[in-house]
Amino acid sequence: MLRTFAMAGALVICIIGAAYSEDSSIPDLKDPKVISAGRELYLEKHCSHCHGMSGDGGVNLMHRDLSNPNYLFEAIADGRESGSLRMPAWREVLSEAQIWQVTAYVMSINGRTN
């Protein structure tokens, strides 16, 4: 019985540790250096072609609730489709750190950083 409790406790500690380690890979999305690096990627990868320099382009970011950084990260990483519009997935092009940088930049131009 004691062994079962010990194993269950170890499992809980592992789960909590894994959840914490995932969160620790998210940079400070308000850090000016992270935002600046994201801006460079946004321009380099031609995101502004569809979204505009300040997010107010044809595929407008300004009228969307982009306050959830995890949702935004996944949208950039996996792409999105809406009607005939398709944003490509960037997971195979950008590193996880770079996707977080772009996430920080988009949140900064949208004025809704958390």
Protein backbone atom coordinates (compact mmCIF):
# COMPACT_ATOMS: atom_id res chain seq x y z
CA MET A 1 0.00 0.00 0.00
CA LEU A 2 2.79 2.39 0.92
CA ARG A 3 4.57 1.50 -2.31
CA THR A 4 1.43 2.39 -4.32
CA PHE A 5 1.23 5.80 -2.64
CA ALA A 6 4.91 6.41 -3.27
CA MET A 7 4.52 5.54 -6.96
CA ALA A 8 1.43 7.73 -7.28
CA GLY A 9 3.28 10.60 -5.60
CA ALA A 10 6.25 10.19 -7.94
CA LEU A 11 3.89 10.23 -10.92
CA VAL A 12 2.26 13.45 -9.72
CA ILE A 13 5.67 15.06 -9.25
CA CYS A 14 6.70 14.02 -12.78
CA ILE A 15 3.51 15.44 -14.26
CA ILE A 16 3.91 18.73 -12.40
CA GLY A 17 7.57 18.89 -13.41
CA ALA A 18 6.72 18.30 -17.08
CA ALA A 19 4.04 20.99 -17.02
CA TYR A 20 6.44 23.44 -15.40
CA SER A 21 9.22 22.72 -17.88
CA GLU A 22 6.88 23.37 -20.81
CA ASP A 23 5.85 26.73 -19.37
CA SER A 24 9.46 27.70 -18.75
CA SER A 25 10.19 27.52 -22.50
CA ILE A 26 7.82 30.43 -23.13
CA PRO A 27 9.86 33.65 -23.21
CA ASP A 28 8.76 36.91 -21.64
CA LEU A 29 6.37 38.10 -24.34
CA LYS A 30 6.72 41.71 -23.12
CA ASP A 31 10.52 41.72 -23.43
CA PRO A 32 11.49 44.36 -26.03
CA LYS A 33 14.27 42.08 -27.35
CA VAL A 34 11.81 39.22 -27.94
CA ILE A 35 9.33 41.59 -29.59
CA SER A 36 12.07 43.10 -31.78
CA ALA A 37 13.26 39.67 -32.90
CA GLY A 38 9.65 38.78 -33.70
CA ARG A 39 9.26 41.96 -35.76
CA GLU A 40 12.34 41.06 -37.79
CA LEU A 41 10.92 37.60 -38.51
CA TYR A 42 7.48 39.07 -39.31
CA LEU A 43 9.10 41.29 -41.95
CA GLU A 44 11.61 38.69 -43.19
CA LYS A 45 8.97 36.01 -43.71
CA HIS A 46 6.63 38.51 -45.42
CA CYS A 47 3.81 38.20 -42.88
CA SER A 48 3.07 41.85 -43.60
CA HIS A 49 2.11 40.91 -47.16
CA CYS A 50 -1.24 39.64 -45.87
CA HIS A 51 -1.42 41.11 -42.37
CA GLY A 52 0.03 44.58 -43.02
CA MET A 53 2.95 46.21 -41.24
CA SER A 54 0.86 47.00 -38.18
CA GLY A 55 -1.58 44.09 -38.40
CA ASP A 56 -4.25 46.09 -40.21
CA GLY A 57 -3.80 44.55 -43.66
CA GLY A 58 -6.23 42.58 -45.81
CA VAL A 59 -6.13 39.72 -43.33
CA ASN A 60 -6.62 42.05 -40.40
CA LEU A 61 -5.19 41.07 -37.02
CA MET A 62 -6.48 44.14 -35.23
CA HIS A 63 -10.09 42.96 -35.04
CA ARG A 64 -9.22 39.61 -33.48
CA ASP A 65 -8.77 38.64 -29.86
CA LEU A 66 -5.15 37.60 -29.86
CA SER A 67 -4.69 37.85 -26.10
CA ASN A 68 -4.14 34.10 -25.67
CA PRO A 69 -0.46 33.49 -26.44
CA ASN A 70 -0.88 29.71 -26.66
CA TYR A 71 -3.65 30.03 -29.25
CA LEU A 72 -1.59 32.51 -31.25
CA PHE A 73 1.50 30.29 -31.07
CA GLU A 74 -0.49 27.33 -32.40
CA ALA A 75 -2.06 29.45 -35.16
CA ILE A 76 1.40 30.48 -36.36
CA ALA A 77 2.91 27.03 -35.92
CA ASP A 78 0.10 25.05 -37.55
CA GLY A 79 -1.45 27.64 -39.86
CA ARG A 80 -5.12 28.51 -40.20
CA GLU A 81 -7.76 28.26 -42.87
CA SER A 82 -10.83 30.47 -43.22
CA GLY A 83 -12.92 30.13 -46.34
CA SER A 84 -10.61 30.58 -49.32
CA LEU A 85 -7.84 32.12 -47.18
CA ARG A 86 -5.06 29.92 -45.89
CA MET A 87 -2.19 30.92 -43.67
CA PRO A 88 0.65 28.43 -44.01
CA ALA A 89 2.05 26.48 -41.09
CA TRP A 90 5.42 27.76 -39.91
CA ARG A 91 6.39 24.88 -37.61
CA GLU A 92 8.71 23.36 -40.21
CA VAL A 93 10.25 26.75 -41.11
CA LEU A 94 10.71 28.49 -37.76
CA SER A 95 12.02 27.15 -34.47
CA GLU A 96 9.78 27.12 -31.42
CA ALA A 97 11.71 30.11 -30.04
CA GLN A 98 11.16 32.03 -33.30
CA ILE A 99 7.43 31.27 -33.27
CA TRP A 100 7.27 32.66 -29.72
CA GLN A 101 9.09 35.77 -30.92
CA VAL A 102 6.55 36.33 -33.70
CA THR A 103 3.78 35.65 -31.16
CA ALA A 104 5.22 38.40 -28.93
CA TYR A 105 5.41 40.83 -31.85
CA VAL A 106 1.85 40.18 -33.02
CA MET A 107 0.57 40.59 -29.48
CA SER A 108 2.50 43.87 -29.18
CA ILE A 109 1.04 45.39 -32.35
CA ASN A 110 -2.38 44.24 -31.31
CA GLY A 111 -1.93 46.04 -27.99
CA ARG A 112 -2.99 43.03 -25.93
CA THR A 113 0.12 41.58 -24.36
CA ASN A 114 -0.47 39.48 -21.26
